[in-house]
Amino acid sequence: MNSLDKGAAEKGRPETIKAVPVRHPGRWAGAVVIALLAAMLLSALFTNPAFKWDIVGQYLFHDSIMHGLLVTLELTALSMLMGVVGGIVLAVMRLSPNPLLAGTAWVYIWVFRGTPVLVQLVFWNFLGLIWAKLSIGVPWGPEFWSEQTNVLIPTFVAALLGLGLNEAAYMAEIVRGGIQSVDEGQTEAAHALGMSRFQTMRRIVLPQAMRVIIPPTGNETISMLKTTSLVSVISLEEIFRAGQVIYSRNYQNIPLLIVVSLWYLFFTSVLTIGQYYIERYYARGSNRTLPPTPLQRLRGLFAGKPTPKTNADVVPGLEGGGHV
């Protein structure tokens, strides 16, 4: 016991506590194992001749791959647009007091969530076997216009219908969960102000529900980007099908699969970054401080300083002290 501790003990005060940092041997062991596995993976990637990186570079921007990539992006964007719009409509129908609307939406979601998307894609592709032509006219009466089903629904449209209508069923449940997360008092207050049901949904409920809707919608978009590879079964040449066609001719299976995977990883990363910033935008009304952006994290890392957080409560234009 040193002189300070003796003096404290004589005066009746407790002795100075000596804090001993907690050791975490498990963390260090885990880090060593991960580093070892990462080194083994990198060694395999750069030393195994089966990967044939020169062929990967040769086909990375091949015309067929670029065309397939464009089809993949078109399918992803249009399918998600159809899914989001359809999901909002179905969610509102599910929450409607009208039993016919609510029941119709429930049956739709039950059917499209209950059957595999692969089966739905093949079904839409073979719709002409059920109805040889589609027409507009009086039910069980004269027809005003008709056309062959296979002309109206080519392979791309069949793929779009299969992906988009299936996605609408999942988006309906996501939107419904977001709408129900908004306090009912918000709706009651809007109605008390004379707003219609549509105005309340558009101006009050949906903007607040976006904070809950955005994260799973971003995940669905990323999943849709990869799910488009299923349309290869109906012979639509998206990026995966394009890779298959090429390696069926030159037998370079692994390099072409790496090419396809690299493009998927690139656009998945782009969508992930976009999702992060959209989530950050809609989190302004619920979090006191916004999470730092990747650029702010990098600056803090290289500067050796803690990453700053953005004040989410200050209203633009009222930085002098006005808050929400």
C-alpha atoms as a PDB file:
ATOM      1  CA  MET A   1       0.000   0.000   0.000  1.00  0.00           C
ATOM      2  CA  ASN A   2       1.493   3.334  -1.013  1.00  0.00           C
ATOM      3  CA  SER A   3       1.432   6.522   1.024  1.00  0.00           C
ATOM      4  CA  LEU A   4      -1.686   7.880  -0.716  1.00  0.00           C
ATOM      5  CA  ASP A   5      -3.653   4.722   0.021  1.00  0.00           C
ATOM      6  CA  LYS A   6      -2.449   4.759   3.638  1.00  0.00           C
ATOM      7  CA  GLY A   7      -3.544   8.366   3.993  1.00  0.00           C
ATOM      8  CA  ALA A   8      -6.951   7.606   2.514  1.00  0.00           C
ATOM      9  CA  ALA A   9      -7.374   4.614   4.828  1.00  0.00           C
ATOM     10  CA  GLU A  10      -6.483   6.728   7.885  1.00  0.00           C
ATOM     11  CA  LYS A  11      -9.094   9.343   6.933  1.00  0.00           C
ATOM     12  CA  GLY A  12     -11.779   6.670   6.471  1.00  0.00           C
ATOM     13  CA  ARG A  13     -11.973   7.015   2.696  1.00  0.00           C
ATOM     14  CA  PRO A  14     -11.986   3.934   0.395  1.00  0.00           C
ATOM     15  CA  GLU A  15      -8.787   2.957  -1.328  1.00  0.00           C
ATOM     16  CA  THR A  16      -8.126   3.931  -4.934  1.00  0.00           C
ATOM     17  CA  ILE A  17      -9.566   1.381  -7.346  1.00  0.00           C
ATOM     18  CA  LYS A  18      -7.061  -0.013  -9.818  1.00  0.00           C
ATOM     19  CA  ALA A  19      -8.952  -0.710 -13.043  1.00  0.00           C
ATOM     20  CA  VAL A  20      -7.660  -3.745 -14.957  1.00  0.00           C
ATOM     21  CA  PRO A  21      -8.715  -3.913 -18.623  1.00  0.00           C
ATOM     22  CA  VAL A  22     -10.761  -6.968 -19.525  1.00  0.00           C
ATOM     23  CA  ARG A  23      -8.953  -9.334 -21.844  1.00  0.00           C
ATOM     24  CA  HIS A  24     -10.752 -10.987 -24.744  1.00  0.00           C
ATOM     25  CA  PRO A  25      -8.699 -13.963 -25.892  1.00  0.00           C
ATOM     26  CA  GLY A  26     -11.661 -15.318 -27.866  1.00  0.00           C
ATOM     27  CA  ARG A  27     -11.744 -12.210 -30.052  1.00  0.00           C
ATOM     28  CA  TRP A  28      -8.054 -12.491 -30.849  1.00  0.00           C
ATOM     29  CA  ALA A  29      -8.394 -16.187 -31.626  1.00  0.00           C
ATOM     30  CA  GLY A  30     -11.342 -15.477 -33.935  1.00  0.00           C
ATOM     31  CA  ALA A  31      -9.421 -12.685 -35.672  1.00  0.00           C
ATOM     32  CA  VAL A  32      -6.462 -15.001 -36.254  1.00  0.00           C
ATOM     33  CA  VAL A  33      -8.695 -17.717 -37.718  1.00  0.00           C
ATOM     34  CA  ILE A  34     -10.442 -15.225 -40.029  1.00  0.00           C
ATOM     35  CA  ALA A  35      -7.117 -13.742 -41.157  1.00  0.00           C
ATOM     36  CA  LEU A  36      -5.793 -17.238 -41.889  1.00  0.00           C
ATOM     37  CA  LEU A  37      -8.885 -18.178 -43.909  1.00  0.00           C
ATOM     38  CA  ALA A  38      -8.724 -14.876 -45.813  1.00  0.00           C
ATOM     39  CA  ALA A  39      -5.068 -15.491 -46.672  1.00  0.00           C
ATOM     40  CA  MET A  40      -5.895 -19.006 -47.901  1.00  0.00           C
ATOM     41  CA  LEU A  41      -8.745 -17.652 -50.044  1.00  0.00           C
ATOM     42  CA  LEU A  42      -6.589 -14.942 -51.602  1.00  0.00           C
ATOM     43  CA  SER A  43      -3.851 -17.470 -52.284  1.00  0.00           C
ATOM     44  CA  ALA A  44      -6.321 -19.763 -54.028  1.00  0.00           C
ATOM     45  CA  LEU A  45      -7.772 -16.914 -56.104  1.00  0.00           C
ATOM     46  CA  PHE A  46      -4.417 -15.762 -57.432  1.00  0.00           C
ATOM     47  CA  THR A  47      -2.509 -19.053 -57.696  1.00  0.00           C
ATOM     48  CA  ASN A  48      -5.142 -21.527 -58.891  1.00  0.00           C
ATOM     49  CA  PRO A  49      -4.919 -21.649 -62.709  1.00  0.00           C
ATOM     50  CA  ALA A  50      -8.542 -22.834 -62.991  1.00  0.00           C
ATOM     51  CA  PHE A  51      -9.827 -19.282 -62.452  1.00  0.00           C
ATOM     52  CA  LYS A  52      -8.133 -18.041 -65.682  1.00  0.00           C
ATOM     53  CA  TRP A  53      -8.258 -14.346 -64.881  1.00  0.00           C
ATOM     54  CA  ASP A  54      -7.045 -13.420 -68.351  1.00  0.00           C
ATOM     55  CA  ILE A  55     -10.211 -14.937 -69.846  1.00  0.00           C
ATOM     56  CA  VAL A  56     -12.286 -13.169 -67.194  1.00  0.00           C
ATOM     57  CA  GLY A  57     -10.850  -9.843 -68.352  1.00  0.00           C
ATOM     58  CA  GLN A  58     -11.430 -10.803 -71.976  1.00  0.00           C
ATOM     59  CA  TYR A  59     -15.159 -11.406 -71.518  1.00  0.00           C
ATOM     60  CA  LEU A  60     -15.930  -8.862 -68.782  1.00  0.00           C
ATOM     61  CA  PHE A  61     -17.122  -6.279 -71.341  1.00  0.00           C
ATOM     62  CA  HIS A  62     -18.082  -8.688 -74.114  1.00  0.00           C
ATOM     63  CA  ASP A  63     -21.002  -7.525 -76.284  1.00  0.00           C
ATOM     64  CA  SER A  64     -23.202 -10.483 -75.294  1.00  0.00           C
ATOM     65  CA  ILE A  65     -22.490  -9.895 -71.608  1.00  0.00           C
ATOM     66  CA  MET A  66     -23.304  -6.188 -71.954  1.00  0.00           C
ATOM     67  CA  HIS A  67     -26.575  -6.947 -73.721  1.00  0.00           C
ATOM     68  CA  GLY A  68     -27.510  -9.490 -71.063  1.00  0.00           C
ATOM     69  CA  LEU A  69     -26.620  -6.995 -68.345  1.00  0.00           C
ATOM     70  CA  LEU A  70     -28.914  -4.390 -69.917  1.00  0.00           C
ATOM     71  CA  VAL A  71     -31.784  -6.894 -69.992  1.00  0.00           C
ATOM     72  CA  THR A  72     -31.118  -7.766 -66.342  1.00  0.00           C
ATOM     73  CA  LEU A  73     -31.235  -4.119 -65.277  1.00  0.00           C
ATOM     74  CA  GLU A  74     -34.386  -3.468 -67.300  1.00  0.00           C
ATOM     75  CA  LEU A  75     -36.119  -6.469 -65.745  1.00  0.00           C
ATOM     76  CA  THR A  76     -35.042  -5.424 -62.252  1.00  0.00           C
ATOM     77  CA  ALA A  77     -36.265  -1.833 -62.619  1.00  0.00           C
ATOM     78  CA  LEU A  78     -39.573  -2.644 -64.317  1.00  0.00           C
ATOM     79  CA  SER A  79     -40.350  -5.600 -62.054  1.00  0.00           C
ATOM     80  CA  MET A  80     -39.722  -3.545 -58.917  1.00  0.00           C
ATOM     81  CA  LEU A  81     -41.819  -0.680 -60.303  1.00  0.00           C
ATOM     82  CA  MET A  82     -44.666  -3.101 -60.942  1.00  0.00           C
ATOM     83  CA  GLY A  83     -44.127  -4.707 -57.545  1.00  0.00           C
ATOM     84  CA  VAL A  84     -44.065  -1.450 -55.570  1.00  0.00           C
ATOM     85  CA  VAL A  85     -47.123   0.045 -57.274  1.00  0.00           C
ATOM     86  CA  GLY A  86     -49.022  -3.220 -57.071  1.00  0.00           C
ATOM     87  CA  GLY A  87     -47.933  -3.726 -53.469  1.00  0.00           C
ATOM     88  CA  ILE A  88     -49.245  -0.316 -52.401  1.00  0.00           C
ATOM     89  CA  VAL A  89     -52.588  -0.982 -54.081  1.00  0.00           C
ATOM     90  CA  LEU A  90     -52.858  -4.456 -52.540  1.00  0.00           C
ATOM     91  CA  ALA A  91     -51.867  -3.187 -49.085  1.00  0.00           C
ATOM     92  CA  VAL A  92     -54.551  -0.490 -49.184  1.00  0.00           C
ATOM     93  CA  MET A  93     -57.064  -3.113 -50.338  1.00  0.00           C
ATOM     94  CA  ARG A  94     -56.050  -5.445 -47.495  1.00  0.00           C
ATOM     95  CA  LEU A  95     -56.670  -2.670 -44.969  1.00  0.00           C
ATOM     96  CA  SER A  96     -59.945  -1.596 -46.580  1.00  0.00           C
ATOM     97  CA  PRO A  97     -63.158  -2.019 -44.537  1.00  0.00           C
ATOM     98  CA  ASN A  98     -64.729  -3.387 -47.727  1.00  0.00           C
ATOM     99  CA  PRO A  99     -64.664  -7.204 -47.324  1.00  0.00           C
ATOM    100  CA  LEU A 100     -64.642  -7.774 -51.104  1.00  0.00           C
ATOM    101  CA  LEU A 101     -61.527  -5.646 -51.616  1.00  0.00           C
ATOM    102  CA  ALA A 102     -59.774  -7.088 -48.562  1.00  0.00           C
ATOM    103  CA  GLY A 103     -60.663 -10.661 -49.567  1.00  0.00           C
ATOM    104  CA  THR A 104     -59.489 -10.162 -53.172  1.00  0.00           C
ATOM    105  CA  ALA A 105     -56.142  -8.820 -51.994  1.00  0.00           C
ATOM    106  CA  TRP A 106     -55.767 -11.702 -49.536  1.00  0.00           C
ATOM    107  CA  VAL A 107     -56.421 -14.306 -52.245  1.00  0.00           C
ATOM    108  CA  TYR A 108     -53.939 -12.616 -54.610  1.00  0.00           C
ATOM    109  CA  ILE A 109     -51.209 -12.590 -51.963  1.00  0.00           C
ATOM    110  CA  TRP A 110     -52.002 -16.178 -50.990  1.00  0.00           C
ATOM    111  CA  VAL A 111     -51.675 -17.436 -54.579  1.00  0.00           C
ATOM    112  CA  PHE A 112     -48.571 -15.509 -55.625  1.00  0.00           C
ATOM    113  CA  ARG A 113     -46.673 -16.040 -52.386  1.00  0.00           C
ATOM    114  CA  GLY A 114     -47.730 -19.668 -52.211  1.00  0.00           C
ATOM    115  CA  THR A 115     -46.292 -20.753 -55.568  1.00  0.00           C
ATOM    116  CA  PRO A 116     -42.611 -20.592 -56.629  1.00  0.00           C
ATOM    117  CA  VAL A 117     -41.618 -17.697 -58.855  1.00  0.00           C
ATOM    118  CA  LEU A 118     -39.940 -20.179 -61.211  1.00  0.00           C
ATOM    119  CA  VAL A 119     -43.269 -21.947 -61.762  1.00  0.00           C
ATOM    120  CA  GLN A 120     -44.977 -18.605 -62.357  1.00  0.00           C
ATOM    121  CA  LEU A 121     -42.382 -17.632 -64.970  1.00  0.00           C
ATOM    122  CA  VAL A 122     -42.925 -20.859 -66.898  1.00  0.00           C
ATOM    123  CA  PHE A 123     -46.692 -20.493 -66.541  1.00  0.00           C
ATOM    124  CA  TRP A 124     -46.715 -17.002 -68.071  1.00  0.00           C
ATOM    125  CA  ASN A 125     -44.453 -18.197 -70.868  1.00  0.00           C
ATOM    126  CA  PHE A 126     -46.953 -20.947 -71.748  1.00  0.00           C
ATOM    127  CA  LEU A 127     -50.083 -18.826 -71.333  1.00  0.00           C
ATOM    128  CA  GLY A 128     -50.833 -19.302 -75.036  1.00  0.00           C
ATOM    129  CA  LEU A 129     -51.565 -22.987 -74.332  1.00  0.00           C
ATOM    130  CA  ILE A 130     -54.537 -21.910 -72.187  1.00  0.00           C
ATOM    131  CA  TRP A 131     -55.789 -19.007 -74.286  1.00  0.00           C
ATOM    132  CA  ALA A 132     -54.634 -18.982 -77.897  1.00  0.00           C
ATOM    133  CA  LYS A 133     -55.708 -15.363 -78.234  1.00  0.00           C
ATOM    134  CA  LEU A 134     -56.692 -12.494 -75.969  1.00  0.00           C
ATOM    135  CA  SER A 135     -59.580 -10.197 -76.870  1.00  0.00           C
ATOM    136  CA  ILE A 136     -61.561  -7.154 -75.725  1.00  0.00           C
ATOM    137  CA  GLY A 137     -65.314  -7.178 -76.051  1.00  0.00           C
ATOM    138  CA  VAL A 138     -68.597  -7.980 -74.353  1.00  0.00           C
ATOM    139  CA  PRO A 139     -68.309 -10.994 -71.990  1.00  0.00           C
ATOM    140  CA  TRP A 140     -69.749 -14.046 -73.779  1.00  0.00           C
ATOM    141  CA  GLY A 141     -70.598 -11.691 -76.635  1.00  0.00           C
ATOM    142  CA  PRO A 142     -69.000 -10.019 -79.660  1.00  0.00           C
ATOM    143  CA  GLU A 143     -65.295  -9.181 -79.715  1.00  0.00           C
ATOM    144  CA  PHE A 144     -64.057  -5.693 -80.605  1.00  0.00           C
ATOM    145  CA  TRP A 145     -60.360  -6.580 -80.770  1.00  0.00           C
ATOM    146  CA  SER A 146     -58.245  -9.705 -80.448  1.00  0.00           C
ATOM    147  CA  GLU A 147     -54.639 -10.795 -80.865  1.00  0.00           C
ATOM    148  CA  GLN A 148     -52.584 -13.951 -80.519  1.00  0.00           C
ATOM    149  CA  THR A 149     -51.405 -14.478 -76.936  1.00  0.00           C
ATOM    150  CA  ASN A 150     -47.842 -15.258 -77.953  1.00  0.00           C
ATOM    151  CA  VAL A 151     -47.698 -11.968 -79.874  1.00  0.00           C
ATOM    152  CA  LEU A 152     -48.995  -9.936 -76.928  1.00  0.00           C
ATOM    153  CA  ILE A 153     -46.860 -11.764 -74.367  1.00  0.00           C
ATOM    154  CA  PRO A 154     -43.396 -12.424 -75.800  1.00  0.00           C
ATOM    155  CA  THR A 155     -40.630 -13.836 -73.625  1.00  0.00           C
ATOM    156  CA  PHE A 156     -39.618 -10.508 -72.086  1.00  0.00           C
ATOM    157  CA  VAL A 157     -43.211  -9.630 -71.136  1.00  0.00           C
ATOM    158  CA  ALA A 158     -43.732 -13.115 -69.696  1.00  0.00           C
ATOM    159  CA  ALA A 159     -40.620 -12.655 -67.550  1.00  0.00           C
ATOM    160  CA  LEU A 160     -41.791  -9.199 -66.461  1.00  0.00           C
ATOM    161  CA  LEU A 161     -45.240 -10.494 -65.496  1.00  0.00           C
ATOM    162  CA  GLY A 162     -43.796 -13.421 -63.594  1.00  0.00           C
ATOM    163  CA  LEU A 163     -41.348 -11.316 -61.597  1.00  0.00           C
ATOM    164  CA  GLY A 164     -43.474  -8.181 -61.149  1.00  0.00           C
ATOM    165  CA  LEU A 165     -46.732  -9.820 -60.098  1.00  0.00           C
ATOM    166  CA  ASN A 166     -44.908 -12.101 -57.693  1.00  0.00           C
ATOM    167  CA  GLU A 167     -43.047  -9.152 -56.181  1.00  0.00           C
ATOM    168  CA  ALA A 168     -46.314  -7.244 -55.708  1.00  0.00           C
ATOM    169  CA  ALA A 169     -47.503  -9.923 -53.275  1.00  0.00           C
ATOM    170  CA  TYR A 170     -44.406  -9.518 -51.102  1.00  0.00           C
ATOM    171  CA  MET A 171     -44.409  -5.730 -51.331  1.00  0.00           C
ATOM    172  CA  ALA A 172     -48.059  -5.700 -50.240  1.00  0.00           C
ATOM    173  CA  GLU A 173     -47.112  -7.222 -46.887  1.00  0.00           C
ATOM    174  CA  ILE A 174     -44.137  -4.866 -46.509  1.00  0.00           C
ATOM    175  CA  VAL A 175     -46.301  -1.793 -47.194  1.00  0.00           C
ATOM    176  CA  ARG A 176     -49.077  -3.081 -44.958  1.00  0.00           C
ATOM    177  CA  GLY A 177     -46.610  -3.500 -42.099  1.00  0.00           C
ATOM    178  CA  GLY A 178     -45.306   0.024 -42.671  1.00  0.00           C
ATOM    179  CA  ILE A 179     -48.805   1.521 -42.708  1.00  0.00           C
ATOM    180  CA  GLN A 180     -49.768  -0.285 -39.513  1.00  0.00           C
ATOM    181  CA  SER A 181     -46.606   0.990 -37.791  1.00  0.00           C
ATOM    182  CA  VAL A 182     -48.004   4.550 -37.932  1.00  0.00           C
ATOM    183  CA  ASP A 183     -49.996   5.457 -34.846  1.00  0.00           C
ATOM    184  CA  GLU A 184     -53.750   5.466 -35.398  1.00  0.00           C
ATOM    185  CA  GLY A 185     -53.947   8.871 -33.792  1.00  0.00           C
ATOM    186  CA  GLN A 186     -52.310  10.311 -36.913  1.00  0.00           C
ATOM    187  CA  THR A 187     -55.164   9.026 -39.070  1.00  0.00           C
ATOM    188  CA  GLU A 188     -57.796  10.212 -36.610  1.00  0.00           C
ATOM    189  CA  ALA A 189     -56.270  13.688 -36.499  1.00  0.00           C
ATOM    190  CA  ALA A 190     -56.178  13.861 -40.296  1.00  0.00           C
ATOM    191  CA  HIS A 191     -59.831  12.870 -40.525  1.00  0.00           C
ATOM    192  CA  ALA A 192     -60.674  15.462 -37.877  1.00  0.00           C
ATOM    193  CA  LEU A 193     -59.073  18.085 -40.134  1.00  0.00           C
ATOM    194  CA  GLY A 194     -61.379  17.038 -42.966  1.00  0.00           C
ATOM    195  CA  MET A 195     -58.928  14.991 -45.016  1.00  0.00           C
ATOM    196  CA  SER A 196     -60.294  12.149 -47.099  1.00  0.00           C
ATOM    197  CA  ARG A 197     -58.998   8.591 -46.743  1.00  0.00           C
ATOM    198  CA  PHE A 198     -56.871   9.016 -49.872  1.00  0.00           C
ATOM    199  CA  GLN A 199     -55.405  12.344 -48.698  1.00  0.00           C
ATOM    200  CA  THR A 200     -54.651  10.886 -45.275  1.00  0.00           C
ATOM    201  CA  MET A 201     -52.860   7.927 -46.816  1.00  0.00           C
ATOM    202  CA  ARG A 202     -50.861  10.044 -49.280  1.00  0.00           C
ATOM    203  CA  ARG A 203     -49.947  12.995 -47.067  1.00  0.00           C
ATOM    204  CA  ILE A 204     -49.857  11.609 -43.533  1.00  0.00           C
ATOM    205  CA  VAL A 205     -49.514   7.828 -43.319  1.00  0.00           C
ATOM    206  CA  LEU A 206     -47.258   6.816 -46.220  1.00  0.00           C
ATOM    207  CA  PRO A 207     -44.559   9.484 -45.588  1.00  0.00           C
ATOM    208  CA  GLN A 208     -44.236   8.268 -41.991  1.00  0.00           C
ATOM    209  CA  ALA A 209     -44.395   4.613 -43.015  1.00  0.00           C
ATOM    210  CA  MET A 210     -41.490   5.022 -45.426  1.00  0.00           C
ATOM    211  CA  ARG A 211     -38.984   4.653 -42.581  1.00  0.00           C
ATOM    212  CA  VAL A 212     -40.278   1.115 -42.046  1.00  0.00           C
ATOM    213  CA  ILE A 213     -40.904   0.323 -45.717  1.00  0.00           C
ATOM    214  CA  ILE A 214     -37.553   1.382 -47.210  1.00  0.00           C
ATOM    215  CA  PRO A 215     -35.170  -1.210 -45.635  1.00  0.00           C
ATOM    216  CA  PRO A 216     -37.084  -4.341 -46.741  1.00  0.00           C
ATOM    217  CA  THR A 217     -37.832  -2.717 -50.109  1.00  0.00           C
ATOM    218  CA  GLY A 218     -34.109  -2.209 -50.641  1.00  0.00           C
ATOM    219  CA  ASN A 219     -33.531  -5.856 -49.798  1.00  0.00           C
ATOM    220  CA  GLU A 220     -36.268  -6.877 -52.235  1.00  0.00           C
ATOM    221  CA  THR A 221     -34.627  -4.802 -54.977  1.00  0.00           C
ATOM    222  CA  ILE A 222     -31.267  -6.468 -54.415  1.00  0.00           C
ATOM    223  CA  SER A 223     -32.966  -9.849 -54.354  1.00  0.00           C
ATOM    224  CA  MET A 224     -34.828  -9.020 -57.576  1.00  0.00           C
ATOM    225  CA  LEU A 225     -31.549  -8.206 -59.321  1.00  0.00           C
ATOM    226  CA  LYS A 226     -30.381 -11.753 -58.631  1.00  0.00           C
ATOM    227  CA  THR A 227     -33.773 -13.397 -59.132  1.00  0.00           C
ATOM    228  CA  THR A 228     -33.776 -12.229 -62.757  1.00  0.00           C
ATOM    229  CA  SER A 229     -31.325 -15.072 -63.413  1.00  0.00           C
ATOM    230  CA  LEU A 230     -34.324 -17.436 -63.212  1.00  0.00           C
ATOM    231  CA  VAL A 231     -35.692 -16.128 -66.510  1.00  0.00           C
ATOM    232  CA  SER A 232     -32.971 -18.130 -68.261  1.00  0.00           C
ATOM    233  CA  VAL A 233     -35.329 -21.133 -67.993  1.00  0.00           C
ATOM    234  CA  ILE A 234     -37.663 -19.480 -70.510  1.00  0.00           C
ATOM    235  CA  SER A 235     -34.705 -18.675 -72.801  1.00  0.00           C
ATOM    236  CA  LEU A 236     -34.586 -14.936 -72.176  1.00  0.00           C
ATOM    237  CA  GLU A 237     -30.971 -13.860 -72.560  1.00  0.00           C
ATOM    238  CA  GLU A 238     -30.167 -11.870 -69.441  1.00  0.00           C
ATOM    239  CA  ILE A 239     -26.623 -11.794 -68.105  1.00  0.00           C
ATOM    240  CA  PHE A 240     -26.578 -15.322 -66.663  1.00  0.00           C
ATOM    241  CA  ARG A 241     -28.046 -16.804 -69.835  1.00  0.00           C
ATOM    242  CA  ALA A 242     -25.514 -14.829 -71.893  1.00  0.00           C
ATOM    243  CA  GLY A 243     -22.701 -16.352 -69.860  1.00  0.00           C
ATOM    244  CA  GLN A 244     -24.175 -19.823 -70.320  1.00  0.00           C
ATOM    245  CA  VAL A 245     -24.367 -19.398 -74.088  1.00  0.00           C
ATOM    246  CA  ILE A 246     -20.723 -18.305 -74.264  1.00  0.00           C
ATOM    247  CA  TYR A 247     -19.299 -21.095 -72.105  1.00  0.00           C
ATOM    248  CA  SER A 248     -21.388 -23.679 -73.945  1.00  0.00           C
ATOM    249  CA  ARG A 249     -19.288 -22.766 -77.002  1.00  0.00           C
ATOM    250  CA  ASN A 250     -15.806 -22.315 -75.520  1.00  0.00           C
ATOM    251  CA  TYR A 251     -16.147 -24.553 -72.386  1.00  0.00           C
ATOM    252  CA  GLN A 252     -14.697 -21.833 -70.137  1.00  0.00           C
ATOM    253  CA  ASN A 253     -17.343 -22.373 -67.460  1.00  0.00           C
ATOM    254  CA  ILE A 254     -15.551 -20.988 -64.393  1.00  0.00           C
ATOM    255  CA  PRO A 255     -14.232 -17.747 -65.972  1.00  0.00           C
ATOM    256  CA  LEU A 256     -17.661 -16.904 -67.423  1.00  0.00           C
ATOM    257  CA  LEU A 257     -19.382 -17.594 -64.103  1.00  0.00           C
ATOM    258  CA  ILE A 258     -16.861 -15.260 -62.448  1.00  0.00           C
ATOM    259  CA  VAL A 259     -17.671 -12.582 -65.035  1.00  0.00           C
ATOM    260  CA  VAL A 260     -21.380 -12.880 -64.274  1.00  0.00           C
ATOM    261  CA  SER A 261     -20.745 -12.864 -60.518  1.00  0.00           C
ATOM    262  CA  LEU A 262     -18.579  -9.742 -60.717  1.00  0.00           C
ATOM    263  CA  TRP A 263     -21.340  -7.793 -62.451  1.00  0.00           C
ATOM    264  CA  TYR A 264     -23.905  -8.990 -59.911  1.00  0.00           C
ATOM    265  CA  LEU A 265     -21.582  -7.949 -57.068  1.00  0.00           C
ATOM    266  CA  PHE A 266     -20.974  -4.529 -58.623  1.00  0.00           C
ATOM    267  CA  PHE A 267     -24.636  -3.603 -59.021  1.00  0.00           C
ATOM    268  CA  THR A 268     -25.557  -5.151 -55.678  1.00  0.00           C
ATOM    269  CA  SER A 269     -22.970  -2.849 -54.093  1.00  0.00           C
ATOM    270  CA  VAL A 270     -24.410   0.163 -55.934  1.00  0.00           C
ATOM    271  CA  LEU A 271     -27.923  -0.691 -54.734  1.00  0.00           C
ATOM    272  CA  THR A 272     -26.668  -1.221 -51.184  1.00  0.00           C
ATOM    273  CA  ILE A 273     -25.106   2.257 -51.117  1.00  0.00           C
ATOM    274  CA  GLY A 274     -28.280   3.784 -52.542  1.00  0.00           C
ATOM    275  CA  GLN A 275     -30.391   1.970 -49.953  1.00  0.00           C
ATOM    276  CA  TYR A 276     -28.150   3.292 -47.157  1.00  0.00           C
ATOM    277  CA  TYR A 277     -28.595   6.921 -48.183  1.00  0.00           C
ATOM    278  CA  ILE A 278     -32.361   6.562 -48.670  1.00  0.00           C
ATOM    279  CA  GLU A 279     -32.700   4.962 -45.226  1.00  0.00           C
ATOM    280  CA  ARG A 280     -30.583   7.764 -43.777  1.00  0.00           C
ATOM    281  CA  TYR A 281     -32.838  10.364 -45.401  1.00  0.00           C
ATOM    282  CA  TYR A 282     -36.053   8.904 -43.974  1.00  0.00           C
ATOM    283  CA  ALA A 283     -34.473   8.386 -40.539  1.00  0.00           C
ATOM    284  CA  ARG A 284     -34.272  12.143 -39.980  1.00  0.00           C
ATOM    285  CA  GLY A 285     -37.633  12.325 -38.267  1.00  0.00           C
ATOM    286  CA  SER A 286     -37.015   9.491 -35.810  1.00  0.00           C
ATOM    287  CA  ASN A 287     -33.321   9.669 -34.836  1.00  0.00           C
ATOM    288  CA  ARG A 288     -31.664  12.485 -32.927  1.00  0.00           C
ATOM    289  CA  THR A 289     -28.390  11.833 -34.746  1.00  0.00           C
ATOM    290  CA  LEU A 290     -27.992  10.361 -38.201  1.00  0.00           C
ATOM    291  CA  PRO A 291     -25.513   7.545 -38.799  1.00  0.00           C
ATOM    292  CA  PRO A 292     -22.287   8.690 -40.470  1.00  0.00           C
ATOM    293  CA  THR A 293     -21.896   8.274 -44.205  1.00  0.00           C
ATOM    294  CA  PRO A 294     -19.179   5.951 -45.579  1.00  0.00           C
ATOM    295  CA  LEU A 295     -17.118   9.015 -46.537  1.00  0.00           C
ATOM    296  CA  GLN A 296     -17.364  10.377 -42.993  1.00  0.00           C
ATOM    297  CA  ARG A 297     -16.305   6.989 -41.626  1.00  0.00           C
ATOM    298  CA  LEU A 298     -13.238   6.962 -43.875  1.00  0.00           C
ATOM    299  CA  ARG A 299     -12.278  10.491 -42.871  1.00  0.00           C
ATOM    300  CA  GLY A 300     -12.604   9.598 -39.205  1.00  0.00           C
ATOM    301  CA  LEU A 301     -10.580   6.417 -39.704  1.00  0.00           C
ATOM    302  CA  PHE A 302      -7.657   8.141 -41.401  1.00  0.00           C
ATOM    303  CA  ALA A 303      -7.791  11.151 -39.074  1.00  0.00           C
ATOM    304  CA  GLY A 304      -7.789   8.907 -36.010  1.00  0.00           C
ATOM    305  CA  LYS A 305     -10.832  10.699 -34.619  1.00  0.00           C
ATOM    306  CA  PRO A 306     -14.253   9.358 -33.619  1.00  0.00           C
ATOM    307  CA  THR A 307     -16.746   9.466 -36.466  1.00  0.00           C
ATOM    308  CA  PRO A 308     -19.018  12.513 -36.126  1.00  0.00           C
ATOM    309  CA  LYS A 309     -22.791  12.153 -36.177  1.00  0.00           C
ATOM    310  CA  THR A 310     -25.126  14.524 -37.952  1.00  0.00           C
ATOM    311  CA  ASN A 311     -27.794  16.332 -35.974  1.00  0.00           C
ATOM    312  CA  ALA A 312     -31.120  15.153 -37.384  1.00  0.00           C
ATOM    313  CA  ASP A 313     -33.318  17.493 -35.370  1.00  0.00           C
ATOM    314  CA  VAL A 314     -32.255  20.852 -36.742  1.00  0.00           C
ATOM    315  CA  VAL A 315     -34.596  22.144 -39.418  1.00  0.00           C
ATOM    316  CA  PRO A 316     -32.785  23.516 -42.495  1.00  0.00           C
ATOM    317  CA  GLY A 317     -32.800  27.306 -42.316  1.00  0.00           C
ATOM    318  CA  LEU A 318     -33.239  27.331 -38.498  1.00  0.00           C
ATOM    319  CA  GLU A 319     -29.755  26.227 -37.488  1.00  0.00           C
ATOM    320  CA  GLY A 320     -29.591  29.054 -35.020  1.00  0.00           C
ATOM    321  CA  GLY A 321     -31.804  27.195 -32.570  1.00  0.00           C
ATOM    322  CA  GLY A 322     -35.041  26.124 -34.228  1.00  0.00           C
ATOM    323  CA  HIS A 323     -35.785  22.429 -33.756  1.00  0.00           C
ATOM    324  CA  VAL A 324     -38.526  20.040 -34.658  1.00  0.00           C
END
